[in-house]
Structures are given as C-alpha cells and as structure tokens.
Amino acid sequence: MSTNSNDPMAVAEAMMKERRDTVKSLSKVRDEKAAAQAKISELEMQEAEAYELALASGWAQSELKKMGFTRKTGPRRSKRNTDTSATVTAANDEGMSA
C-alpha cells in the first residue's frame, strides 16, 4: 500500500480496502470448499446406492472387493424385516388419587 496523500482518511480507506479484499478472497474459497464438500457427499451417496445395486444384482462382496470396490463404513441395510415399532400399554389407574 502506498499513497501520496497526507490525508489520514485516505490512508485509512486504502488500508481497509486491502483488508476487505483479503476477506472477499477468504469468503470465496470457503464457499467453493462448501460446494465441493456437498458434491462429495452427493457422490458418496450415489456410490453407496450403486454398491447396494451391485450386491442386489448378484455380485458378492468378495468379488467387488477384488475389483477394488468396498462398502464404505456407515449404516448398512438390514436383510431382516424386523418390527422396530414400540408397544405402548395403558397404565392401570386403580389406586391413584388426585
């Protein structure tokens, strides 16, 4: 930063412009990073779905592993059809007083 002015306000404004420009750059990089992370998350979900489809079409995990494909860590779909709903029973109100 070089300014030929003895005006303190002009010097201050020039200094602030440089500082604002660095924040603009930082903000742009942060936004690009967020977009890239969102795209990676989307691709990972598509990859997991494609892997499950490969299994459903008859490929064995061991075969897919030999080809370089592995299931990513995380929740797996259960092959069992279990009922996870909770059973609620009514409490007996006998003997209770208000």
PDB file of N, CA and C in Angstrom:
ATOM      1  N   MET A   1       0.837  -1.161   0.000  1.00  0.00           N
ATOM      2  CA  MET A   1       0.000   0.000   0.000  1.00  0.00           C
ATOM      3  C   MET A   1       0.885   1.227   0.000  1.00  0.00           C
ATOM      4  N   SER A   2       0.732   2.042  -1.001  1.00  0.00           N
ATOM      5  CA  SER A   2       1.430   3.312  -0.979  1.00  0.00           C
ATOM      6  C   SER A   2       0.477   4.383  -1.451  1.00  0.00           C
ATOM      7  N   THR A   3       0.421   5.436  -0.707  1.00  0.00           N
ATOM      8  CA  THR A   3      -0.425   6.559  -1.066  1.00  0.00           C
ATOM      9  C   THR A   3       0.365   7.837  -0.873  1.00  0.00           C
ATOM     10  N   ASN A   4       0.186   8.774  -1.773  1.00  0.00           N
ATOM     11  CA  ASN A   4       0.917  10.030  -1.713  1.00  0.00           C
ATOM     12  C   ASN A   4       0.141  11.093  -0.958  1.00  0.00           C
ATOM     13  N   SER A   5      -0.839  10.692  -0.241  1.00  0.00           N
ATOM     14  CA  SER A   5      -1.687  11.657   0.444  1.00  0.00           C
ATOM     15  C   SER A   5      -1.302  11.761   1.910  1.00  0.00           C
ATOM     16  N   ASN A   6      -1.406  12.961   2.410  1.00  0.00           N
ATOM     17  CA  ASN A   6      -1.215  13.166   3.847  1.00  0.00           C
ATOM     18  C   ASN A   6      -2.547  13.102   4.569  1.00  0.00           C
ATOM     19  N   ASP A   7      -3.597  12.789   3.825  1.00  0.00           N
ATOM     20  CA  ASP A   7      -4.940  12.704   4.404  1.00  0.00           C
ATOM     21  C   ASP A   7      -5.083  11.382   5.150  1.00  0.00           C
ATOM     22  N   PRO A   8      -5.236  11.440   6.465  1.00  0.00           N
ATOM     23  CA  PRO A   8      -5.358  10.195   7.240  1.00  0.00           C
ATOM     24  C   PRO A   8      -6.568   9.351   6.817  1.00  0.00           C
ATOM     25  N   MET A   9      -7.641   9.965   6.385  1.00  0.00           N
ATOM     26  CA  MET A   9      -8.827   9.212   5.968  1.00  0.00           C
ATOM     27  C   MET A   9      -8.547   8.439   4.674  1.00  0.00           C
ATOM     28  N   ALA A  10      -7.795   9.027   3.774  1.00  0.00           N
ATOM     29  CA  ALA A  10      -7.450   8.336   2.529  1.00  0.00           C
ATOM     30  C   ALA A  10      -6.557   7.145   2.825  1.00  0.00           C
ATOM     31  N   VAL A  11      -5.611   7.327   3.737  1.00  0.00           N
ATOM     32  CA  VAL A  11      -4.720   6.224   4.124  1.00  0.00           C
ATOM     33  C   VAL A  11      -5.535   5.112   4.782  1.00  0.00           C
ATOM     34  N   ALA A  12      -6.443   5.489   5.679  1.00  0.00           N
ATOM     35  CA  ALA A  12      -7.276   4.503   6.374  1.00  0.00           C
ATOM     36  C   ALA A  12      -8.160   3.745   5.383  1.00  0.00           C
ATOM     37  N   GLU A  13      -8.734   4.462   4.433  1.00  0.00           N
ATOM     38  CA  GLU A  13      -9.583   3.813   3.434  1.00  0.00           C
ATOM     39  C   GLU A  13      -8.783   2.836   2.573  1.00  0.00           C
ATOM     40  N   ALA A  14      -7.576   3.189   2.199  1.00  0.00           N
ATOM     41  CA  ALA A  14      -6.728   2.298   1.411  1.00  0.00           C
ATOM     42  C   ALA A  14      -6.384   1.039   2.212  1.00  0.00           C
ATOM     43  N   MET A  15      -6.100   1.228   3.495  1.00  0.00           N
ATOM     44  CA  MET A  15      -5.783   0.077   4.347  1.00  0.00           C
ATOM     45  C   MET A  15      -7.000  -0.829   4.491  1.00  0.00           C
ATOM     46  N   MET A  16      -8.175  -0.236   4.654  1.00  0.00           N
ATOM     47  CA  MET A  16      -9.388  -1.038   4.810  1.00  0.00           C
ATOM     48  C   MET A  16      -9.731  -1.779   3.514  1.00  0.00           C
ATOM     49  N   LYS A  17      -9.463  -1.142   2.365  1.00  0.00           N
ATOM     50  CA  LYS A  17      -9.732  -1.813   1.090  1.00  0.00           C
ATOM     51  C   LYS A  17      -8.895  -3.082   0.971  1.00  0.00           C
ATOM     52  N   GLU A  18      -7.631  -2.999   1.325  1.00  0.00           N
ATOM     53  CA  GLU A  18      -6.768  -4.180   1.288  1.00  0.00           C
ATOM     54  C   GLU A  18      -7.303  -5.264   2.220  1.00  0.00           C
ATOM     55  N   ARG A  19      -7.741  -4.882   3.377  1.00  0.00           N
ATOM     56  CA  ARG A  19      -8.264  -5.859   4.346  1.00  0.00           C
ATOM     57  C   ARG A  19      -9.561  -6.474   3.836  1.00  0.00           C
ATOM     58  N   ARG A  20     -10.459  -5.646   3.252  1.00  0.00           N
ATOM     59  CA  ARG A  20     -11.723  -6.177   2.707  1.00  0.00           C
ATOM     60  C   ARG A  20     -11.444  -7.163   1.579  1.00  0.00           C
ATOM     61  N   ASP A  21     -10.466  -6.852   0.736  1.00  0.00           N
ATOM     62  CA  ASP A  21     -10.138  -7.740  -0.382  1.00  0.00           C
ATOM     63  C   ASP A  21      -9.684  -9.113   0.104  1.00  0.00           C
ATOM     64  N   THR A  22      -8.919  -9.151   1.197  1.00  0.00           N
ATOM     65  CA  THR A  22      -8.477 -10.452   1.711  1.00  0.00           C
ATOM     66  C   THR A  22      -9.656 -11.255   2.254  1.00  0.00           C
ATOM     67  N   VAL A  23     -10.621 -10.565   2.852  1.00  0.00           N
ATOM     68  CA  VAL A  23     -11.803 -11.260   3.368  1.00  0.00           C
ATOM     69  C   VAL A  23     -12.669 -11.756   2.213  1.00  0.00           C
ATOM     70  N   LYS A  24     -12.767 -10.978   1.146  1.00  0.00           N
ATOM     71  CA  LYS A  24     -13.509 -11.434  -0.044  1.00  0.00           C
ATOM     72  C   LYS A  24     -12.896 -12.716  -0.583  1.00  0.00           C
ATOM     73  N   SER A  25     -11.577 -12.755  -0.655  1.00  0.00           N
ATOM     74  CA  SER A  25     -10.882 -13.941  -1.142  1.00  0.00           C
ATOM     75  C   SER A  25     -11.129 -15.133  -0.228  1.00  0.00           C
ATOM     76  N   LEU A  26     -11.037 -14.905   1.061  1.00  0.00           N
ATOM     77  CA  LEU A  26     -11.282 -15.972   2.035  1.00  0.00           C
ATOM     78  C   LEU A  26     -12.704 -16.490   1.925  1.00  0.00           C
ATOM     79  N   SER A  27     -13.649 -15.590   1.771  1.00  0.00           N
ATOM     80  CA  SER A  27     -15.053 -15.973   1.651  1.00  0.00           C
ATOM     81  C   SER A  27     -15.299 -16.802   0.391  1.00  0.00           C
ATOM     82  N   LYS A  28     -14.676 -16.400  -0.710  1.00  0.00           N
ATOM     83  CA  LYS A  28     -14.833 -17.134  -1.970  1.00  0.00           C
ATOM     84  C   LYS A  28     -14.312 -18.563  -1.844  1.00  0.00           C
ATOM     85  N   VAL A  29     -13.139 -18.713  -1.233  1.00  0.00           N
ATOM     86  CA  VAL A  29     -12.564 -20.052  -1.054  1.00  0.00           C
ATOM     87  C   VAL A  29     -13.446 -20.901  -0.152  1.00  0.00           C
ATOM     88  N   ARG A  30     -13.977 -20.292   0.924  1.00  0.00           N
ATOM     89  CA  ARG A  30     -14.854 -21.040   1.831  1.00  0.00           C
ATOM     90  C   ARG A  30     -16.095 -21.525   1.101  1.00  0.00           C
ATOM     91  N   ASP A  31     -16.688 -20.663   0.264  1.00  0.00           N
ATOM     92  CA  ASP A  31     -17.883 -21.049  -0.484  1.00  0.00           C
ATOM     93  C   ASP A  31     -17.587 -22.170  -1.481  1.00  0.00           C
ATOM     94  N   GLU A  32     -16.438 -22.090  -2.149  1.00  0.00           N
ATOM     95  CA  GLU A  32     -16.041 -23.145  -3.086  1.00  0.00           C
ATOM     96  C   GLU A  32     -15.820 -24.467  -2.354  1.00  0.00           C
ATOM     97  N   LYS A  33     -15.232 -24.388  -1.179  1.00  0.00           N
ATOM     98  CA  LYS A  33     -14.995 -25.599  -0.376  1.00  0.00           C
ATOM     99  C   LYS A  33     -16.323 -26.232   0.037  1.00  0.00           C
ATOM    100  N   ALA A  34     -17.277 -25.417   0.484  1.00  0.00           N
ATOM    101  CA  ALA A  34     -18.587 -25.936   0.884  1.00  0.00           C
ATOM    102  C   ALA A  34     -19.288 -26.612  -0.290  1.00  0.00           C
ATOM    103  N   ALA A  35     -19.190 -26.007  -1.474  1.00  0.00           N
ATOM    104  CA  ALA A  35     -19.808 -26.597  -2.663  1.00  0.00           C
ATOM    105  C   ALA A  35     -19.150 -27.933  -3.002  1.00  0.00           C
ATOM    106  N   ALA A  36     -17.821 -27.988  -2.888  1.00  0.00           N
ATOM    107  CA  ALA A  36     -17.106 -29.237  -3.181  1.00  0.00           C
ATOM    108  C   ALA A  36     -17.476 -30.323  -2.173  1.00  0.00           C
ATOM    109  N   GLN A  37     -17.593 -29.950  -0.897  1.00  0.00           N
ATOM    110  CA  GLN A  37     -17.960 -30.930   0.122  1.00  0.00           C
ATOM    111  C   GLN A  37     -19.376 -31.454  -0.108  1.00  0.00           C
ATOM    112  N   ALA A  38     -20.278 -30.573  -0.518  1.00  0.00           N
ATOM    113  CA  ALA A  38     -21.644 -31.005  -0.812  1.00  0.00           C
ATOM    114  C   ALA A  38     -21.649 -31.974  -1.989  1.00  0.00           C
ATOM    115  N   LYS A  39     -20.843 -31.684  -3.003  1.00  0.00           N
ATOM    116  CA  LYS A  39     -20.761 -32.571  -4.172  1.00  0.00           C
ATOM    117  C   LYS A  39     -20.179 -33.932  -3.781  1.00  0.00           C
ATOM    118  N   ILE A  40     -19.163 -33.927  -2.921  1.00  0.00           N
ATOM    119  CA  ILE A  40     -18.569 -35.189  -2.458  1.00  0.00           C
ATOM    120  C   ILE A  40     -19.604 -36.005  -1.695  1.00  0.00           C
ATOM    121  N   SER A  41     -20.377 -35.354  -0.831  1.00  0.00           N
ATOM    122  CA  SER A  41     -21.417 -36.071  -0.080  1.00  0.00           C
ATOM    123  C   SER A  41     -22.434 -36.699  -1.023  1.00  0.00           C
ATOM    124  N   GLU A  42     -22.825 -35.945  -2.050  1.00  0.00           N
ATOM    125  CA  GLU A  42     -23.776 -36.458  -3.030  1.00  0.00           C
ATOM    126  C   GLU A  42     -23.199 -37.663  -3.772  1.00  0.00           C
ATOM    127  N   LEU A  43     -21.937 -37.569  -4.177  1.00  0.00           N
ATOM    128  CA  LEU A  43     -21.298 -38.674  -4.891  1.00  0.00           C
ATOM    129  C   LEU A  43     -21.123 -39.894  -3.998  1.00  0.00           C
ATOM    130  N   GLU A  44     -20.833 -39.689  -2.725  1.00  0.00           N
ATOM    131  CA  GLU A  44     -20.706 -40.820  -1.810  1.00  0.00           C
ATOM    132  C   GLU A  44     -22.030 -41.541  -1.649  1.00  0.00           C
ATOM    133  N   MET A  45     -23.133 -40.787  -1.621  1.00  0.00           N
ATOM    134  CA  MET A  45     -24.447 -41.409  -1.513  1.00  0.00           C
ATOM    135  C   MET A  45     -24.747 -42.201  -2.792  1.00  0.00           C
ATOM    136  N   GLN A  46     -24.414 -41.634  -3.945  1.00  0.00           N
ATOM    137  CA  GLN A  46     -24.626 -42.346  -5.206  1.00  0.00           C
ATOM    138  C   GLN A  46     -23.765 -43.602  -5.270  1.00  0.00           C
ATOM    139  N   GLU A  47     -22.543 -43.514  -4.766  1.00  0.00           N
ATOM    140  CA  GLU A  47     -21.646 -44.667  -4.747  1.00  0.00           C
ATOM    141  C   GLU A  47     -22.220 -45.783  -3.872  1.00  0.00           C
ATOM    142  N   ALA A  48     -22.743 -45.410  -2.706  1.00  0.00           N
ATOM    143  CA  ALA A  48     -23.318 -46.406  -1.802  1.00  0.00           C
ATOM    144  C   ALA A  48     -24.530 -47.079  -2.440  1.00  0.00           C
ATOM    145  N   GLU A  49     -25.353 -46.289  -3.117  1.00  0.00           N
ATOM    146  CA  GLU A  49     -26.525 -46.860  -3.795  1.00  0.00           C
ATOM    147  C   GLU A  49     -26.104 -47.796  -4.923  1.00  0.00           C
ATOM    148  N   ALA A  50     -25.086 -47.405  -5.673  1.00  0.00           N
ATOM    149  CA  ALA A  50     -24.594 -48.247  -6.764  1.00  0.00           C
ATOM    150  C   ALA A  50     -24.000 -49.547  -6.219  1.00  0.00           C
ATOM    151  N   TYR A  51     -23.314 -49.463  -5.088  1.00  0.00           N
ATOM    152  CA  TYR A  51     -22.736 -50.653  -4.460  1.00  0.00           C
ATOM    153  C   TYR A  51     -23.857 -51.605  -4.036  1.00  0.00           C
ATOM    154  N   GLU A  52     -24.896 -51.062  -3.414  1.00  0.00           N
ATOM    155  CA  GLU A  52     -26.030 -51.895  -2.991  1.00  0.00           C
ATOM    156  C   GLU A  52     -26.719 -52.516  -4.200  1.00  0.00           C
ATOM    157  N   LEU A  53     -26.818 -51.764  -5.281  1.00  0.00           N
ATOM    158  CA  LEU A  53     -27.424 -52.294  -6.507  1.00  0.00           C
ATOM    159  C   LEU A  53     -26.581 -53.426  -7.080  1.00  0.00           C
ATOM    160  N   ALA A  54     -25.252 -53.283  -7.012  1.00  0.00           N
ATOM    161  CA  ALA A  54     -24.364 -54.352  -7.491  1.00  0.00           C
ATOM    162  C   ALA A  54     -24.565 -55.620  -6.659  1.00  0.00           C
ATOM    163  N   LEU A  55     -24.686 -55.446  -5.345  1.00  0.00           N
ATOM    164  CA  LEU A  55     -24.946 -56.610  -4.481  1.00  0.00           C
ATOM    165  C   LEU A  55     -26.290 -57.247  -4.826  1.00  0.00           C
ATOM    166  N   ALA A  56     -27.293 -56.402  -5.017  1.00  0.00           N
ATOM    167  CA  ALA A  56     -28.634 -56.915  -5.331  1.00  0.00           C
ATOM    168  C   ALA A  56     -28.670 -57.613  -6.683  1.00  0.00           C
ATOM    169  N   SER A  57     -27.780 -57.231  -7.592  1.00  0.00           N
ATOM    170  CA  SER A  57     -27.771 -57.859  -8.916  1.00  0.00           C
ATOM    171  C   SER A  57     -26.982 -59.163  -8.934  1.00  0.00           C
ATOM    172  N   GLY A  58     -26.426 -59.540  -7.782  1.00  0.00           N
ATOM    173  CA  GLY A  58     -25.781 -60.847  -7.697  1.00  0.00           C
ATOM    174  C   GLY A  58     -24.289 -60.832  -7.441  1.00  0.00           C
ATOM    175  N   TRP A  59     -23.660 -59.683  -7.445  1.00  0.00           N
ATOM    176  CA  TRP A  59     -22.233 -59.636  -7.140  1.00  0.00           C
ATOM    177  C   TRP A  59     -22.020 -59.880  -5.649  1.00  0.00           C
ATOM    178  N   ALA A  60     -20.996 -60.644  -5.323  1.00  0.00           N
ATOM    179  CA  ALA A  60     -20.645 -60.897  -3.932  1.00  0.00           C
ATOM    180  C   ALA A  60     -19.685 -59.794  -3.464  1.00  0.00           C
ATOM    181  N   GLN A  61     -19.716 -59.518  -2.171  1.00  0.00           N
ATOM    182  CA  GLN A  61     -18.802 -58.514  -1.624  1.00  0.00           C
ATOM    183  C   GLN A  61     -17.351 -58.864  -1.944  1.00  0.00           C
ATOM    184  N   SER A  62     -17.021 -60.146  -1.853  1.00  0.00           N
ATOM    185  CA  SER A  62     -15.643 -60.560  -2.132  1.00  0.00           C
ATOM    186  C   SER A  62     -15.263 -60.292  -3.588  1.00  0.00           C
ATOM    187  N   GLU A  63     -16.202 -60.486  -4.497  1.00  0.00           N
ATOM    188  CA  GLU A  63     -15.931 -60.198  -5.906  1.00  0.00           C
ATOM    189  C   GLU A  63     -15.731 -58.700  -6.132  1.00  0.00           C
ATOM    190  N   LEU A  64     -16.592 -57.905  -5.526  1.00  0.00           N
ATOM    191  CA  LEU A  64     -16.469 -56.455  -5.671  1.00  0.00           C
ATOM    192  C   LEU A  64     -15.164 -55.955  -5.055  1.00  0.00           C
ATOM    193  N   LYS A  65     -14.782 -56.584  -3.957  1.00  0.00           N
ATOM    194  CA  LYS A  65     -13.529 -56.186  -3.302  1.00  0.00           C
ATOM    195  C   LYS A  65     -12.339 -56.477  -4.210  1.00  0.00           C
ATOM    196  N   LYS A  66     -12.364 -57.615  -4.901  1.00  0.00           N
ATOM    197  CA  LYS A  66     -11.279 -57.954  -5.838  1.00  0.00           C
ATOM    198  C   LYS A  66     -11.172 -56.926  -6.961  1.00  0.00           C
ATOM    199  N   MET A  67     -12.287 -56.288  -7.295  1.00  0.00           N
ATOM    200  CA  MET A  67     -12.293 -55.270  -8.346  1.00  0.00           C
ATOM    201  C   MET A  67     -11.950 -53.881  -7.802  1.00  0.00           C
ATOM    202  N   GLY A  68     -11.730 -53.814  -6.496  1.00  0.00           N
ATOM    203  CA  GLY A  68     -11.353 -52.531  -5.907  1.00  0.00           C
ATOM    204  C   GLY A  68     -12.505 -51.748  -5.297  1.00  0.00           C
ATOM    205  N   PHE A  69     -13.675 -52.357  -5.200  1.00  0.00           N
ATOM    206  CA  PHE A  69     -14.831 -51.675  -4.622  1.00  0.00           C
ATOM    207  C   PHE A  69     -15.065 -52.186  -3.212  1.00  0.00           C
ATOM    208  N   THR A  70     -15.220 -51.273  -2.291  1.00  0.00           N
ATOM    209  CA  THR A  70     -15.521 -51.657  -0.914  1.00  0.00           C
ATOM    210  C   THR A  70     -16.704 -50.856  -0.426  1.00  0.00           C
ATOM    211  N   ARG A  71     -17.434 -51.459   0.479  1.00  0.00           N
ATOM    212  CA  ARG A  71     -18.553 -50.772   1.113  1.00  0.00           C
ATOM    213  C   ARG A  71     -17.974 -49.771   2.095  1.00  0.00           C
ATOM    214  N   LYS A  72     -18.461 -48.572   2.020  1.00  0.00           N
ATOM    215  CA  LYS A  72     -17.996 -47.540   2.934  1.00  0.00           C
ATOM    216  C   LYS A  72     -18.608 -47.792   4.304  1.00  0.00           C
ATOM    217  N   THR A  73     -17.907 -47.351   5.339  1.00  0.00           N
ATOM    218  CA  THR A  73     -18.436 -47.528   6.684  1.00  0.00           C
ATOM    219  C   THR A  73     -19.679 -46.687   6.839  1.00  0.00           C
ATOM    220  N   GLY A  74     -20.534 -47.128   7.726  1.00  0.00           N
ATOM    221  CA  GLY A  74     -21.787 -46.421   7.967  1.00  0.00           C
ATOM    222  C   GLY A  74     -22.897 -47.431   8.117  1.00  0.00           C
ATOM    223  N   PRO A  75     -24.091 -46.938   8.245  1.00  0.00           N
ATOM    224  CA  PRO A  75     -25.218 -47.855   8.445  1.00  0.00           C
ATOM    225  C   PRO A  75     -25.449 -48.733   7.225  1.00  0.00           C
ATOM    226  N   ARG A  76     -25.694 -49.987   7.489  1.00  0.00           N
ATOM    227  CA  ARG A  76     -25.991 -50.937   6.419  1.00  0.00           C
ATOM    228  C   ARG A  76     -27.462 -51.278   6.470  1.00  0.00           C
ATOM    229  N   ARG A  77     -27.986 -51.591   5.324  1.00  0.00           N
ATOM    230  CA  ARG A  77     -29.386 -52.011   5.279  1.00  0.00           C
ATOM    231  C   ARG A  77     -29.496 -53.427   5.815  1.00  0.00           C
ATOM    232  N   SER A  78     -30.455 -53.627   6.661  1.00  0.00           N
ATOM    233  CA  SER A  78     -30.672 -54.941   7.237  1.00  0.00           C
ATOM    234  C   SER A  78     -31.428 -55.814   6.248  1.00  0.00           C
ATOM    235  N   LYS A  79     -31.023 -57.077   6.161  1.00  0.00           N
ATOM    236  CA  LYS A  79     -31.741 -58.001   5.285  1.00  0.00           C
ATOM    237  C   LYS A  79     -32.973 -58.559   5.989  1.00  0.00           C
ATOM    238  N   ARG A  80     -32.955 -58.470   7.321  1.00  0.00           N
ATOM    239  CA  ARG A  80     -34.094 -58.963   8.081  1.00  0.00           C
ATOM    240  C   ARG A  80     -35.201 -57.921   8.074  1.00  0.00           C
ATOM    241  N   ASN A  81     -36.422 -58.394   8.093  1.00  0.00           N
ATOM    242  CA  ASN A  81     -37.562 -57.494   8.177  1.00  0.00           C
ATOM    243  C   ASN A  81     -38.059 -57.537   9.610  1.00  0.00           C
ATOM    244  N   THR A  82     -37.512 -56.665  10.450  1.00  0.00           N
ATOM    245  CA  THR A  82     -37.877 -56.679  11.865  1.00  0.00           C
ATOM    246  C   THR A  82     -38.792 -55.516  12.170  1.00  0.00           C
ATOM    247  N   ASP A  83     -39.660 -55.701  13.115  1.00  0.00           N
ATOM    248  CA  ASP A  83     -40.584 -54.669  13.552  1.00  0.00           C
ATOM    249  C   ASP A  83     -39.907 -53.881  14.653  1.00  0.00           C
ATOM    250  N   THR A  84     -39.664 -52.624  14.412  1.00  0.00           N
ATOM    251  CA  THR A  84     -38.995 -51.798  15.407  1.00  0.00           C
ATOM    252  C   THR A  84     -39.960 -50.862  16.106  1.00  0.00           C
ATOM    253  N   SER A  85     -41.255 -51.027  15.856  1.00  0.00           N
ATOM    254  CA  SER A  85     -42.221 -50.131  16.497  1.00  0.00           C
ATOM    255  C   SER A  85     -42.362 -50.501  17.969  1.00  0.00           C
ATOM    256  N   ALA A  86     -42.582 -49.509  18.762  1.00  0.00           N
ATOM    257  CA  ALA A  86     -42.699 -49.704  20.210  1.00  0.00           C
ATOM    258  C   ALA A  86     -44.143 -50.071  20.552  1.00  0.00           C
ATOM    259  N   THR A  87     -44.295 -50.920  21.545  1.00  0.00           N
ATOM    260  CA  THR A  87     -45.612 -51.296  22.018  1.00  0.00           C
ATOM    261  C   THR A  87     -45.925 -50.464  23.248  1.00  0.00           C
ATOM    262  N   VAL A  88     -47.080 -49.822  23.233  1.00  0.00           N
ATOM    263  CA  VAL A  88     -47.480 -48.977  24.349  1.00  0.00           C
ATOM    264  C   VAL A  88     -48.677 -49.635  25.017  1.00  0.00           C
ATOM    265  N   THR A  89     -48.599 -49.802  26.336  1.00  0.00           N
ATOM    266  CA  THR A  89     -49.712 -50.377  27.075  1.00  0.00           C
ATOM    267  C   THR A  89     -50.260 -49.309  28.003  1.00  0.00           C
ATOM    268  N   ALA A  90     -51.551 -49.347  28.208  1.00  0.00           N
ATOM    269  CA  ALA A  90     -52.198 -48.377  29.088  1.00  0.00           C
ATOM    270  C   ALA A  90     -51.898 -48.720  30.538  1.00  0.00           C
ATOM    271  N   ALA A  91     -51.619 -47.699  31.321  1.00  0.00           N
ATOM    272  CA  ALA A  91     -51.344 -47.911  32.745  1.00  0.00           C
ATOM    273  C   ALA A  91     -52.663 -48.078  33.487  1.00  0.00           C
ATOM    274  N   ASN A  92     -52.658 -48.940  34.492  1.00  0.00           N
ATOM    275  CA  ASN A  92     -53.842 -49.168  35.307  1.00  0.00           C
ATOM    276  C   ASN A  92     -53.980 -48.016  36.291  1.00  0.00           C
ATOM    277  N   ASP A  93     -55.118 -47.263  36.248  1.00  0.00           N
ATOM    278  CA  ASP A  93     -55.286 -46.087  37.084  1.00  0.00           C
ATOM    279  C   ASP A  93     -55.879 -46.437  38.439  1.00  0.00           C
ATOM    280  N   GLU A  94     -56.130 -47.684  38.742  1.00  0.00           N
ATOM    281  CA  GLU A  94     -56.702 -48.073  40.020  1.00  0.00           C
ATOM    282  C   GLU A  94     -55.739 -47.716  41.151  1.00  0.00           C
ATOM    283  N   GLY A  95     -56.295 -47.179  42.209  1.00  0.00           N
ATOM    284  CA  GLY A  95     -55.499 -46.868  43.372  1.00  0.00           C
ATOM    285  C   GLY A  95     -54.825 -45.508  43.298  1.00  0.00           C
ATOM    286  N   MET A  96     -55.015 -44.807  42.238  1.00  0.00           N
ATOM    287  CA  MET A  96     -54.412 -43.497  42.120  1.00  0.00           C
ATOM    288  C   MET A  96     -55.429 -42.451  42.535  1.00  0.00           C
ATOM    289  N   SER A  97     -55.004 -41.461  43.268  1.00  0.00           N
ATOM    290  CA  SER A  97     -55.920 -40.410  43.684  1.00  0.00           C
ATOM    291  C   SER A  97     -55.385 -39.077  43.216  1.00  0.00           C
ATOM    292  N   ALA A  98     -56.314 -38.151  43.025  1.00  0.00           N
ATOM    293  CA  ALA A  98     -55.912 -36.830  42.542  1.00  0.00           C
ATOM    294  C   ALA A  98     -55.648 -35.873  43.658  1.00  0.00           C
TER     295      ALA A  98
END
